[in-house]
């Protein structure tokens, strides 16, 4: 199989990266305004968060609504298509817990997994 044909790579191309998993975690239970996301993700730069949100929106994972009012506010939520990621993200979270416990039991540091 060629790397570009790998379905895991296809999924990670959409939801992988430093901030996208955290964004999805923050939106899993409820919609969030941009400012709420920014506060929930310390260290993310405004520009980077905006780019990541736009990419997830372009993939159909998130919807973006501009809320009416004197101050322009944006709200983000998972789309029905984005909701289909829930089982995969829950499975990854469970795997992550198991991996942390395993690494701690073996006195190892966590290492990034690189899929090719």
PDB file of N, CA and C in Angstrom:
ATOM      1  N   UNK A   1       0.850  -1.177   0.000  1.00  0.00           N
ATOM      2  CA  UNK A   1       0.000   0.000   0.000  1.00  0.00           C
ATOM      3  C   UNK A   1       0.894   1.239   0.000  1.00  0.00           C
ATOM      4  N   UNK A   2       0.559   2.160  -0.831  1.00  0.00           N
ATOM      5  CA  UNK A   2       1.284   3.428  -0.867  1.00  0.00           C
ATOM      6  C   UNK A   2       0.873   4.266   0.344  1.00  0.00           C
ATOM      7  N   UNK A   3       1.793   5.058   0.885  1.00  0.00           N
ATOM      8  CA  UNK A   3       1.465   5.880   2.064  1.00  0.00           C
ATOM      9  C   UNK A   3       0.222   6.749   1.853  1.00  0.00           C
ATOM     10  N   UNK A   4       0.038   7.286   0.658  1.00  0.00           N
ATOM     11  CA  UNK A   4      -1.119   8.155   0.410  1.00  0.00           C
ATOM     12  C   UNK A   4      -2.436   7.377   0.399  1.00  0.00           C
ATOM     13  N   UNK A   5      -2.367   6.053   0.311  1.00  0.00           N
ATOM     14  CA  UNK A   5      -3.571   5.215   0.322  1.00  0.00           C
ATOM     15  C   UNK A   5      -3.947   4.757   1.732  1.00  0.00           C
ATOM     16  N   UNK A   6      -3.139   5.056   2.714  1.00  0.00           N
ATOM     17  CA  UNK A   6      -3.370   4.588   4.081  1.00  0.00           C
ATOM     18  C   UNK A   6      -4.551   5.351   4.705  1.00  0.00           C
ATOM     19  N   UNK A   7      -5.596   4.644   5.135  1.00  0.00           N
ATOM     20  CA  UNK A   7      -6.741   5.336   5.724  1.00  0.00           C
ATOM     21  C   UNK A   7      -6.419   6.028   7.057  1.00  0.00           C
ATOM     22  N   UNK A   8      -5.468   5.497   7.808  1.00  0.00           N
ATOM     23  CA  UNK A   8      -5.072   6.159   9.060  1.00  0.00           C
ATOM     24  C   UNK A   8      -4.425   7.505   8.738  1.00  0.00           C
ATOM     25  N   UNK A   9      -3.585   7.538   7.720  1.00  0.00           N
ATOM     26  CA  UNK A   9      -2.969   8.800   7.304  1.00  0.00           C
ATOM     27  C   UNK A   9      -4.034   9.799   6.863  1.00  0.00           C
ATOM     28  N   UNK A  10      -5.043   9.316   6.138  1.00  0.00           N
ATOM     29  CA  UNK A  10      -6.131  10.202   5.698  1.00  0.00           C
ATOM     30  C   UNK A  10      -6.832  10.836   6.893  1.00  0.00           C
ATOM     31  N   UNK A  11      -7.085  10.034   7.922  1.00  0.00           N
ATOM     32  CA  UNK A  11      -7.749  10.557   9.123  1.00  0.00           C
ATOM     33  C   UNK A  11      -6.855  11.552   9.850  1.00  0.00           C
ATOM     34  N   UNK A  12      -5.573  11.191  10.022  1.00  0.00           N
ATOM     35  CA  UNK A  12      -4.661  12.077  10.742  1.00  0.00           C
ATOM     36  C   UNK A  12      -4.377  13.363   9.976  1.00  0.00           C
ATOM     37  N   UNK A  13      -4.462  13.316   8.663  1.00  0.00           N
ATOM     38  CA  UNK A  13      -4.314  14.540   7.875  1.00  0.00           C
ATOM     39  C   UNK A  13      -5.398  15.555   8.231  1.00  0.00           C
ATOM     40  N   UNK A  14      -6.573  15.070   8.616  1.00  0.00           N
ATOM     41  CA  UNK A  14      -7.693  15.947   8.953  1.00  0.00           C
ATOM     42  C   UNK A  14      -7.657  16.372  10.417  1.00  0.00           C
ATOM     43  N   UNK A  15      -7.394  15.440  11.339  1.00  0.00           N
ATOM     44  CA  UNK A  15      -7.525  15.755  12.763  1.00  0.00           C
ATOM     45  C   UNK A  15      -6.211  15.788  13.512  1.00  0.00           C
ATOM     46  N   UNK A  16      -5.100  15.528  12.825  1.00  0.00           N
ATOM     47  CA  UNK A  16      -3.806  15.510  13.480  1.00  0.00           C
ATOM     48  C   UNK A  16      -3.229  16.896  13.665  1.00  0.00           C
ATOM     49  N   UNK A  17      -2.202  16.972  14.454  1.00  0.00           N
ATOM     50  CA  UNK A  17      -1.525  18.239  14.696  1.00  0.00           C
ATOM     51  C   UNK A  17      -1.519  18.563  16.177  1.00  0.00           C
ATOM     52  N   UNK A  18      -0.906  19.655  16.513  1.00  0.00           N
ATOM     53  CA  UNK A  18      -0.749  20.024  17.917  1.00  0.00           C
ATOM     54  C   UNK A  18      -2.069  20.452  18.557  1.00  0.00           C
ATOM     55  N   UNK A  19      -2.928  21.180  17.840  1.00  0.00           N
ATOM     56  CA  UNK A  19      -4.098  21.785  18.453  1.00  0.00           C
ATOM     57  C   UNK A  19      -5.423  21.154  18.069  1.00  0.00           C
ATOM     58  N   UNK A  20      -5.517  20.512  16.921  1.00  0.00           N
ATOM     59  CA  UNK A  20      -6.817  19.985  16.487  1.00  0.00           C
ATOM     60  C   UNK A  20      -7.427  18.980  17.458  1.00  0.00           C
ATOM     61  N   UNK A  21      -6.665  18.018  17.988  1.00  0.00           N
ATOM     62  CA  UNK A  21      -7.286  17.109  18.963  1.00  0.00           C
ATOM     63  C   UNK A  21      -7.831  17.849  20.192  1.00  0.00           C
ATOM     64  N   UNK A  22      -7.120  18.868  20.644  1.00  0.00           N
ATOM     65  CA  UNK A  22      -7.579  19.642  21.806  1.00  0.00           C
ATOM     66  C   UNK A  22      -8.821  20.457  21.460  1.00  0.00           C
ATOM     67  N   UNK A  23      -8.870  20.995  20.257  1.00  0.00           N
ATOM     68  CA  UNK A  23     -10.061  21.732  19.804  1.00  0.00           C
ATOM     69  C   UNK A  23     -11.261  20.794  19.796  1.00  0.00           C
ATOM     70  N   UNK A  24     -11.074  19.608  19.227  1.00  0.00           N
ATOM     71  CA  UNK A  24     -12.171  18.638  19.163  1.00  0.00           C
ATOM     72  C   UNK A  24     -12.619  18.219  20.561  1.00  0.00           C
ATOM     73  N   UNK A  25     -11.667  18.059  21.474  1.00  0.00           N
ATOM     74  CA  UNK A  25     -12.016  17.730  22.858  1.00  0.00           C
ATOM     75  C   UNK A  25     -12.884  18.825  23.465  1.00  0.00           C
ATOM     76  N   UNK A  26     -12.512  20.074  23.238  1.00  0.00           N
ATOM     77  CA  UNK A  26     -13.265  21.196  23.808  1.00  0.00           C
ATOM     78  C   UNK A  26     -14.668  21.313  23.228  1.00  0.00           C
ATOM     79  N   UNK A  27     -14.851  20.847  21.994  1.00  0.00           N
ATOM     80  CA  UNK A  27     -16.157  20.972  21.339  1.00  0.00           C
ATOM     81  C   UNK A  27     -17.005  19.714  21.456  1.00  0.00           C
ATOM     82  N   UNK A  28     -16.488  18.675  22.107  1.00  0.00           N
ATOM     83  CA  UNK A  28     -17.198  17.394  22.115  1.00  0.00           C
ATOM     84  C   UNK A  28     -18.532  17.440  22.847  1.00  0.00           C
ATOM     85  N   UNK A  29     -18.671  18.299  23.847  1.00  0.00           N
ATOM     86  CA  UNK A  29     -19.898  18.330  24.634  1.00  0.00           C
ATOM     87  C   UNK A  29     -20.800  19.519  24.357  1.00  0.00           C
ATOM     88  N   UNK A  30     -20.215  20.577  23.826  1.00  0.00           N
ATOM     89  CA  UNK A  30     -21.016  21.788  23.619  1.00  0.00           C
ATOM     90  C   UNK A  30     -20.316  22.731  22.664  1.00  0.00           C
ATOM     91  N   UNK A  31     -21.076  23.626  22.043  1.00  0.00           N
ATOM     92  CA  UNK A  31     -20.454  24.652  21.204  1.00  0.00           C
ATOM     93  C   UNK A  31     -19.638  25.598  22.077  1.00  0.00           C
ATOM     94  N   UNK A  32     -18.651  26.217  21.471  1.00  0.00           N
ATOM     95  CA  UNK A  32     -17.800  27.169  22.201  1.00  0.00           C
ATOM     96  C   UNK A  32     -17.560  28.400  21.338  1.00  0.00           C
ATOM     97  N   UNK A  33     -17.477  29.533  22.004  1.00  0.00           N
ATOM     98  CA  UNK A  33     -17.085  30.754  21.310  1.00  0.00           C
ATOM     99  C   UNK A  33     -15.569  30.762  21.155  1.00  0.00           C
ATOM    100  N   UNK A  34     -15.098  31.553  20.226  1.00  0.00           N
ATOM    101  CA  UNK A  34     -13.668  31.623  19.944  1.00  0.00           C
ATOM    102  C   UNK A  34     -12.876  31.938  21.218  1.00  0.00           C
ATOM    103  N   UNK A  35     -13.325  32.929  21.966  1.00  0.00           N
ATOM    104  CA  UNK A  35     -12.617  33.320  23.185  1.00  0.00           C
ATOM    105  C   UNK A  35     -12.565  32.197  24.211  1.00  0.00           C
ATOM    106  N   UNK A  36     -13.638  31.425  24.307  1.00  0.00           N
ATOM    107  CA  UNK A  36     -13.645  30.292  25.232  1.00  0.00           C
ATOM    108  C   UNK A  36     -12.614  29.250  24.813  1.00  0.00           C
ATOM    109  N   UNK A  37     -12.534  28.999  23.514  1.00  0.00           N
ATOM    110  CA  UNK A  37     -11.544  28.045  23.011  1.00  0.00           C
ATOM    111  C   UNK A  37     -10.133  28.545  23.312  1.00  0.00           C
ATOM    112  N   UNK A  38      -9.918  29.798  23.080  1.00  0.00           N
ATOM    113  CA  UNK A  38      -8.581  30.358  23.305  1.00  0.00           C
ATOM    114  C   UNK A  38      -8.171  30.251  24.770  1.00  0.00           C
ATOM    115  N   UNK A  39      -9.095  30.501  25.680  1.00  0.00           N
ATOM    116  CA  UNK A  39      -8.792  30.385  27.111  1.00  0.00           C
ATOM    117  C   UNK A  39      -8.591  28.923  27.517  1.00  0.00           C
ATOM    118  N   UNK A  40      -9.317  28.024  26.874  1.00  0.00           N
ATOM    119  CA  UNK A  40      -9.214  26.599  27.207  1.00  0.00           C
ATOM    120  C   UNK A  40      -7.935  25.966  26.664  1.00  0.00           C
ATOM    121  N   UNK A  41      -7.276  26.648  25.741  1.00  0.00           N
ATOM    122  CA  UNK A  41      -6.066  26.124  25.102  1.00  0.00           C
ATOM    123  C   UNK A  41      -4.907  27.079  25.338  1.00  0.00           C
ATOM    124  N   UNK A  42      -4.379  27.128  26.570  1.00  0.00           N
ATOM    125  CA  UNK A  42      -3.283  28.062  26.837  1.00  0.00           C
ATOM    126  C   UNK A  42      -2.090  27.760  25.940  1.00  0.00           C
ATOM    127  N   UNK A  43      -1.525  28.804  25.427  1.00  0.00           N
ATOM    128  CA  UNK A  43      -0.355  28.641  24.578  1.00  0.00           C
ATOM    129  C   UNK A  43      -0.649  28.719  23.089  1.00  0.00           C
ATOM    130  N   UNK A  44      -1.906  28.566  22.712  1.00  0.00           N
ATOM    131  CA  UNK A  44      -2.229  28.654  21.289  1.00  0.00           C
ATOM    132  C   UNK A  44      -2.276  30.126  20.886  1.00  0.00           C
ATOM    133  N   UNK A  45      -1.653  30.417  19.774  1.00  0.00           N
ATOM    134  CA  UNK A  45      -1.693  31.786  19.250  1.00  0.00           C
ATOM    135  C   UNK A  45      -2.996  32.001  18.495  1.00  0.00           C
ATOM    136  N   UNK A  46      -3.480  33.222  18.507  1.00  0.00           N
ATOM    137  CA  UNK A  46      -4.729  33.604  17.845  1.00  0.00           C
ATOM    138  C   UNK A  46      -4.731  33.136  16.393  1.00  0.00           C
ATOM    139  N   UNK A  47      -3.662  33.427  15.689  1.00  0.00           N
ATOM    140  CA  UNK A  47      -3.565  33.082  14.268  1.00  0.00           C
ATOM    141  C   UNK A  47      -3.627  31.564  14.063  1.00  0.00           C
ATOM    142  N   UNK A  48      -2.928  30.822  14.889  1.00  0.00           N
ATOM    143  CA  UNK A  48      -2.882  29.366  14.761  1.00  0.00           C
ATOM    144  C   UNK A  48      -4.258  28.772  15.047  1.00  0.00           C
ATOM    145  N   UNK A  49      -4.913  29.247  16.105  1.00  0.00           N
ATOM    146  CA  UNK A  49      -6.249  28.750  16.421  1.00  0.00           C
ATOM    147  C   UNK A  49      -7.204  29.042  15.268  1.00  0.00           C
ATOM    148  N   UNK A  50      -7.139  30.230  14.728  1.00  0.00           N
ATOM    149  CA  UNK A  50      -7.992  30.592  13.596  1.00  0.00           C
ATOM    150  C   UNK A  50      -7.748  29.661  12.409  1.00  0.00           C
ATOM    151  N   UNK A  51      -6.482  29.398  12.102  1.00  0.00           N
ATOM    152  CA  UNK A  51      -6.148  28.510  10.979  1.00  0.00           C
ATOM    153  C   UNK A  51      -6.667  27.095  11.203  1.00  0.00           C
ATOM    154  N   UNK A  52      -6.470  26.581  12.424  1.00  0.00           N
ATOM    155  CA  UNK A  52      -6.902  25.216  12.728  1.00  0.00           C
ATOM    156  C   UNK A  52      -8.421  25.099  12.658  1.00  0.00           C
ATOM    157  N   UNK A  53      -9.125  26.101  13.174  1.00  0.00           N
ATOM    158  CA  UNK A  53     -10.586  26.096  13.106  1.00  0.00           C
ATOM    159  C   UNK A  53     -11.066  26.152  11.659  1.00  0.00           C
ATOM    160  N   UNK A  54     -10.443  26.978  10.856  1.00  0.00           N
ATOM    161  CA  UNK A  54     -10.824  27.068   9.438  1.00  0.00           C
ATOM    162  C   UNK A  54     -10.599  25.750   8.714  1.00  0.00           C
ATOM    163  N   UNK A  55      -9.471  25.093   9.006  1.00  0.00           N
ATOM    164  CA  UNK A  55      -9.192  23.808   8.364  1.00  0.00           C
ATOM    165  C   UNK A  55     -10.244  22.767   8.751  1.00  0.00           C
ATOM    166  N   UNK A  56     -10.600  22.708  10.026  1.00  0.00           N
ATOM    167  CA  UNK A  56     -11.623  21.763  10.466  1.00  0.00           C
ATOM    168  C   UNK A  56     -12.988  22.107   9.865  1.00  0.00           C
ATOM    169  N   UNK A  57     -13.250  23.396   9.703  1.00  0.00           N
ATOM    170  CA  UNK A  57     -14.496  23.822   9.068  1.00  0.00           C
ATOM    171  C   UNK A  57     -14.513  23.432   7.583  1.00  0.00           C
ATOM    172  N   UNK A  58     -13.401  23.627   6.896  1.00  0.00           N
ATOM    173  CA  UNK A  58     -13.318  23.262   5.476  1.00  0.00           C
ATOM    174  C   UNK A  58     -13.499  21.765   5.263  1.00  0.00           C
ATOM    175  N   UNK A  59     -13.095  20.961   6.226  1.00  0.00           N
ATOM    176  CA  UNK A  59     -13.250  19.506   6.135  1.00  0.00           C
ATOM    177  C   UNK A  59     -14.660  19.056   6.517  1.00  0.00           C
ATOM    178  N   UNK A  60     -15.489  19.989   6.982  1.00  0.00           N
ATOM    179  CA  UNK A  60     -16.854  19.654   7.365  1.00  0.00           C
ATOM    180  C   UNK A  60     -16.979  19.106   8.774  1.00  0.00           C
ATOM    181  N   UNK A  61     -15.926  19.241   9.568  1.00  0.00           N
ATOM    182  CA  UNK A  61     -15.922  18.722  10.938  1.00  0.00           C
ATOM    183  C   UNK A  61     -16.598  19.706  11.899  1.00  0.00           C
ATOM    184  N   UNK A  62     -16.393  20.982  11.670  1.00  0.00           N
ATOM    185  CA  UNK A  62     -16.958  22.043  12.507  1.00  0.00           C
ATOM    186  C   UNK A  62     -17.843  22.950  11.693  1.00  0.00           C
ATOM    187  N   UNK A  63     -18.791  23.571  12.390  1.00  0.00           N
ATOM    188  CA  UNK A  63     -19.540  24.663  11.774  1.00  0.00           C
ATOM    189  C   UNK A  63     -19.208  25.932  12.553  1.00  0.00           C
ATOM    190  N   UNK A  64     -19.278  27.038  11.867  1.00  0.00           N
ATOM    191  CA  UNK A  64     -18.923  28.338  12.426  1.00  0.00           C
ATOM    192  C   UNK A  64     -20.133  29.242  12.252  1.00  0.00           C
ATOM    193  N   UNK A  65     -20.577  29.849  13.344  1.00  0.00           N
ATOM    194  CA  UNK A  65     -21.709  30.760  13.310  1.00  0.00           C
ATOM    195  C   UNK A  65     -21.275  32.084  13.905  1.00  0.00           C
ATOM    196  N   UNK A  66     -21.608  33.168  13.229  1.00  0.00           N
ATOM    197  CA  UNK A  66     -21.362  34.500  13.782  1.00  0.00           C
ATOM    198  C   UNK A  66     -22.615  34.872  14.560  1.00  0.00           C
ATOM    199  N   UNK A  67     -22.444  35.152  15.846  1.00  0.00           N
ATOM    200  CA  UNK A  67     -23.569  35.460  16.721  1.00  0.00           C
ATOM    201  C   UNK A  67     -23.946  36.927  16.608  1.00  0.00           C
ATOM    202  N   UNK A  68     -25.238  37.225  16.605  1.00  0.00           N
ATOM    203  CA  UNK A  68     -25.663  38.629  16.509  1.00  0.00           C
ATOM    204  C   UNK A  68     -25.371  39.376  17.810  1.00  0.00           C
ATOM    205  N   UNK A  69     -25.180  40.660  17.685  1.00  0.00           N
ATOM    206  CA  UNK A  69     -24.934  41.487  18.865  1.00  0.00           C
ATOM    207  C   UNK A  69     -24.027  42.639  18.538  1.00  0.00           C
ATOM    208  N   UNK A  70     -23.810  43.501  19.534  1.00  0.00           N
ATOM    209  CA  UNK A  70     -22.943  44.660  19.347  1.00  0.00           C
ATOM    210  C   UNK A  70     -21.500  44.235  19.124  1.00  0.00           C
ATOM    211  N   UNK A  71     -21.093  43.198  19.844  1.00  0.00           N
ATOM    212  CA  UNK A  71     -19.734  42.691  19.705  1.00  0.00           C
ATOM    213  C   UNK A  71     -19.815  41.422  18.851  1.00  0.00           C
ATOM    214  N   UNK A  72     -19.000  41.380  17.815  1.00  0.00           N
ATOM    215  CA  UNK A  72     -19.001  40.211  16.940  1.00  0.00           C
ATOM    216  C   UNK A  72     -18.386  39.038  17.682  1.00  0.00           C
ATOM    217  N   UNK A  73     -19.147  37.959  17.771  1.00  0.00           N
ATOM    218  CA  UNK A  73     -18.661  36.744  18.408  1.00  0.00           C
ATOM    219  C   UNK A  73     -18.896  35.571  17.469  1.00  0.00           C
ATOM    220  N   UNK A  74     -17.952  34.649  17.476  1.00  0.00           N
ATOM    221  CA  UNK A  74     -18.056  33.450  16.662  1.00  0.00           C
ATOM    222  C   UNK A  74     -18.264  32.252  17.570  1.00  0.00           C
ATOM    223  N   UNK A  75     -19.110  31.331  17.116  1.00  0.00           N
ATOM    224  CA  UNK A  75     -19.337  30.099  17.853  1.00  0.00           C
ATOM    225  C   UNK A  75     -19.010  28.923  16.942  1.00  0.00           C
ATOM    226  N   UNK A  76     -18.356  27.933  17.518  1.00  0.00           N
ATOM    227  CA  UNK A  76     -17.971  26.730  16.787  1.00  0.00           C
ATOM    228  C   UNK A  76     -18.631  25.529  17.428  1.00  0.00           C
ATOM    229  N   UNK A  77     -19.041  24.579  16.586  1.00  0.00           N
ATOM    230  CA  UNK A  77     -19.635  23.346  17.075  1.00  0.00           C
ATOM    231  C   UNK A  77     -19.321  22.225  16.102  1.00  0.00           C
ATOM    232  N   UNK A  78     -19.380  21.007  16.606  1.00  0.00           N
ATOM    233  CA  UNK A  78     -19.207  19.859  15.727  1.00  0.00           C
ATOM    234  C   UNK A  78     -20.414  19.758  14.806  1.00  0.00           C
ATOM    235  N   UNK A  79     -20.168  19.444  13.568  1.00  0.00           N
ATOM    236  CA  UNK A  79     -21.249  19.165  12.626  1.00  0.00           C
ATOM    237  C   UNK A  79     -21.704  17.721  12.849  1.00  0.00           C
ATOM    238  N   UNK A  80     -22.815  17.321  12.246  1.00  0.00           N
ATOM    239  CA  UNK A  80     -23.180  15.901  12.318  1.00  0.00           C
ATOM    240  C   UNK A  80     -22.049  15.000  11.795  1.00  0.00           C
ATOM    241  N   UNK A  81     -21.372  15.439  10.749  1.00  0.00           N
ATOM    242  CA  UNK A  81     -20.226  14.676  10.237  1.00  0.00           C
ATOM    243  C   UNK A  81     -19.104  14.637  11.272  1.00  0.00           C
ATOM    244  N   UNK A  82     -18.851  15.759  11.933  1.00  0.00           N
ATOM    245  CA  UNK A  82     -17.835  15.815  12.982  1.00  0.00           C
ATOM    246  C   UNK A  82     -18.181  14.895  14.147  1.00  0.00           C
ATOM    247  N   UNK A  83     -19.476  14.763  14.434  1.00  0.00           N
ATOM    248  CA  UNK A  83     -19.916  13.855  15.506  1.00  0.00           C
ATOM    249  C   UNK A  83     -19.524  12.414  15.210  1.00  0.00           C
ATOM    250  N   UNK A  84     -19.373  12.065  13.936  1.00  0.00           N
ATOM    251  CA  UNK A  84     -18.998  10.687  13.595  1.00  0.00           C
ATOM    252  C   UNK A  84     -17.577  10.367  14.055  1.00  0.00           C
ATOM    253  N   UNK A  85     -16.802  11.376  14.409  1.00  0.00           N
ATOM    254  CA  UNK A  85     -15.452  11.162  14.939  1.00  0.00           C
ATOM    255  C   UNK A  85     -15.460  10.715  16.397  1.00  0.00           C
ATOM    256  N   UNK A  86     -16.574  10.919  17.081  1.00  0.00           N
ATOM    257  CA  UNK A  86     -16.644  10.648  18.520  1.00  0.00           C
ATOM    258  C   UNK A  86     -16.148   9.245  18.879  1.00  0.00           C
ATOM    259  N   UNK A  87     -16.620   8.158  18.233  1.00  0.00           N
ATOM    260  CA  UNK A  87     -16.123   6.829  18.618  1.00  0.00           C
ATOM    261  C   UNK A  87     -14.611   6.678  18.408  1.00  0.00           C
ATOM    262  N   UNK A  88     -14.096   7.227  17.325  1.00  0.00           N
ATOM    263  CA  UNK A  88     -12.653   7.127  17.068  1.00  0.00           C
ATOM    264  C   UNK A  88     -11.862   7.911  18.104  1.00  0.00           C
ATOM    265  N   UNK A  89     -12.325   9.100  18.451  1.00  0.00           N
ATOM    266  CA  UNK A  89     -11.627   9.916  19.443  1.00  0.00           C
ATOM    267  C   UNK A  89     -11.702   9.278  20.827  1.00  0.00           C
ATOM    268  N   UNK A  90     -12.857   8.690  21.162  1.00  0.00           N
ATOM    269  CA  UNK A  90     -12.972   7.990  22.444  1.00  0.00           C
ATOM    270  C   UNK A  90     -12.023   6.802  22.493  1.00  0.00           C
ATOM    271  N   UNK A  91     -11.922   6.063  21.388  1.00  0.00           N
ATOM    272  CA  UNK A  91     -11.001   4.918  21.336  1.00  0.00           C
ATOM    273  C   UNK A  91      -9.551   5.388  21.474  1.00  0.00           C
ATOM    274  N   UNK A  92      -9.198   6.484  20.823  1.00  0.00           N
ATOM    275  CA  UNK A  92      -7.845   7.024  20.953  1.00  0.00           C
ATOM    276  C   UNK A  92      -7.571   7.486  22.384  1.00  0.00           C
ATOM    277  N   UNK A  93      -8.567   8.080  23.024  1.00  0.00           N
ATOM    278  CA  UNK A  93      -8.396   8.522  24.410  1.00  0.00           C
ATOM    279  C   UNK A  93      -8.151   7.322  25.327  1.00  0.00           C
ATOM    280  N   UNK A  94      -8.920   6.259  25.132  1.00  0.00           N
ATOM    281  CA  UNK A  94      -8.716   5.047  25.934  1.00  0.00           C
ATOM    282  C   UNK A  94      -7.325   4.464  25.697  1.00  0.00           C
ATOM    283  N   UNK A  95      -6.905   4.433  24.449  1.00  0.00           N
ATOM    284  CA  UNK A  95      -5.584   3.924  24.125  1.00  0.00           C
ATOM    285  C   UNK A  95      -4.516   4.796  24.788  1.00  0.00           C
ATOM    286  N   UNK A  96      -4.720   6.114  24.753  1.00  0.00           N
ATOM    287  CA  UNK A  96      -3.770   7.031  25.377  1.00  0.00           C
ATOM    288  C   UNK A  96      -3.633   6.795  26.870  1.00  0.00           C
ATOM    289  N   UNK A  97      -4.747   6.530  27.540  1.00  0.00           N
ATOM    290  CA  UNK A  97      -4.713   6.235  28.978  1.00  0.00           C
ATOM    291  C   UNK A  97      -3.914   4.962  29.223  1.00  0.00           C
ATOM    292  N   UNK A  98      -4.205   3.923  28.442  1.00  0.00           N
ATOM    293  CA  UNK A  98      -3.496   2.654  28.577  1.00  0.00           C
ATOM    294  C   UNK A  98      -2.010   2.835  28.312  1.00  0.00           C
ATOM    295  N   UNK A  99      -1.684   3.613  27.295  1.00  0.00           N
ATOM    296  CA  UNK A  99      -0.285   3.848  26.950  1.00  0.00           C
ATOM    297  C   UNK A  99       0.450   4.575  28.075  1.00  0.00           C
ATOM    298  N   UNK A 100      -0.179   5.597  28.645  1.00  0.00           N
ATOM    299  CA  UNK A 100       0.440   6.322  29.759  1.00  0.00           C
ATOM    300  C   UNK A 100       0.699   5.404  30.939  1.00  0.00           C
ATOM    301  N   UNK A 101      -0.304   4.583  31.263  1.00  0.00           N
ATOM    302  CA  UNK A 101      -0.149   3.654  32.387  1.00  0.00           C
ATOM    303  C   UNK A 101       0.972   2.658  32.110  1.00  0.00           C
ATOM    304  N   UNK A 102       1.030   2.153  30.897  1.00  0.00           N
ATOM    305  CA  UNK A 102       2.079   1.200  30.509  1.00  0.00           C
ATOM    306  C   UNK A 102       3.455   1.844  30.597  1.00  0.00           C
ATOM    307  N   UNK A 103       3.560   3.068  30.052  1.00  0.00           N
ATOM    308  CA  UNK A 103       4.843   3.774  30.074  1.00  0.00           C
ATOM    309  C   UNK A 103       5.273   4.054  31.511  1.00  0.00           C
ATOM    310  N   UNK A 104       4.324   4.459  32.364  1.00  0.00           N
ATOM    311  CA  UNK A 104       4.652   4.739  33.762  1.00  0.00           C
ATOM    312  C   UNK A 104       5.101   3.463  34.480  1.00  0.00           C
ATOM    313  N   UNK A 105       4.442   2.355  34.175  1.00  0.00           N
ATOM    314  CA  UNK A 105       4.796   1.082  34.809  1.00  0.00           C
ATOM    315  C   UNK A 105       6.183   0.613  34.400  1.00  0.00           C
ATOM    316  N   UNK A 106       6.609   1.006  33.213  1.00  0.00           N
ATOM    317  CA  UNK A 106       7.921   0.609  32.715  1.00  0.00           C
ATOM    318  C   UNK A 106       8.965   1.707  32.890  1.00  0.00           C
ATOM    319  N   UNK A 107       8.550   2.802  33.549  1.00  0.00           N
ATOM    320  CA  UNK A 107       9.479   3.902  33.792  1.00  0.00           C
ATOM    321  C   UNK A 107       9.941   4.593  32.532  1.00  0.00           C
ATOM    322  N   UNK A 108       9.081   4.592  31.526  1.00  0.00           N
ATOM    323  CA  UNK A 108       9.446   5.187  30.243  1.00  0.00           C
ATOM    324  C   UNK A 108       8.743   6.519  30.078  1.00  0.00           C
ATOM    325  N   UNK A 109       9.379   7.379  29.301  1.00  0.00           N
ATOM    326  CA  UNK A 109       8.725   8.619  28.901  1.00  0.00           C
ATOM    327  C   UNK A 109       7.866   8.301  27.692  1.00  0.00           C
ATOM    328  N   UNK A 110       6.840   9.125  27.506  1.00  0.00           N
ATOM    329  CA  UNK A 110       6.016   8.952  26.305  1.00  0.00           C
ATOM    330  C   UNK A 110       6.809   9.431  25.100  1.00  0.00           C
ATOM    331  N   UNK A 111       6.644   8.740  24.008  1.00  0.00           N
ATOM    332  CA  UNK A 111       7.300   9.119  22.758  1.00  0.00           C
ATOM    333  C   UNK A 111       6.223   9.354  21.710  1.00  0.00           C
ATOM    334  N   UNK A 112       6.490  10.293  20.836  1.00  0.00           N
ATOM    335  CA  UNK A 112       5.542  10.553  19.750  1.00  0.00           C
ATOM    336  C   UNK A 112       5.573   9.380  18.772  1.00  0.00           C
ATOM    337  N   UNK A 113       4.395   9.021  18.309  1.00  0.00           N
ATOM    338  CA  UNK A 113       4.272   7.958  17.325  1.00  0.00           C
ATOM    339  C   UNK A 113       4.279   8.594  15.950  1.00  0.00           C
ATOM    340  N   UNK A 114       5.162   8.129  15.098  1.00  0.00           N
ATOM    341  CA  UNK A 114       5.241   8.649  13.732  1.00  0.00           C
ATOM    342  C   UNK A 114       4.760   7.553  12.801  1.00  0.00           C
ATOM    343  N   UNK A 115       3.671   7.827  12.111  1.00  0.00           N
ATOM    344  CA  UNK A 115       3.145   6.859  11.140  1.00  0.00           C
ATOM    345  C   UNK A 115       3.571   7.285   9.760  1.00  0.00           C
ATOM    346  N   UNK A 116       4.023   6.359   8.983  1.00  0.00           N
ATOM    347  CA  UNK A 116       4.401   6.711   7.619  1.00  0.00           C
ATOM    348  C   UNK A 116       3.551   5.974   6.645  1.00  0.00           C
TER     349      UNK A 116
END
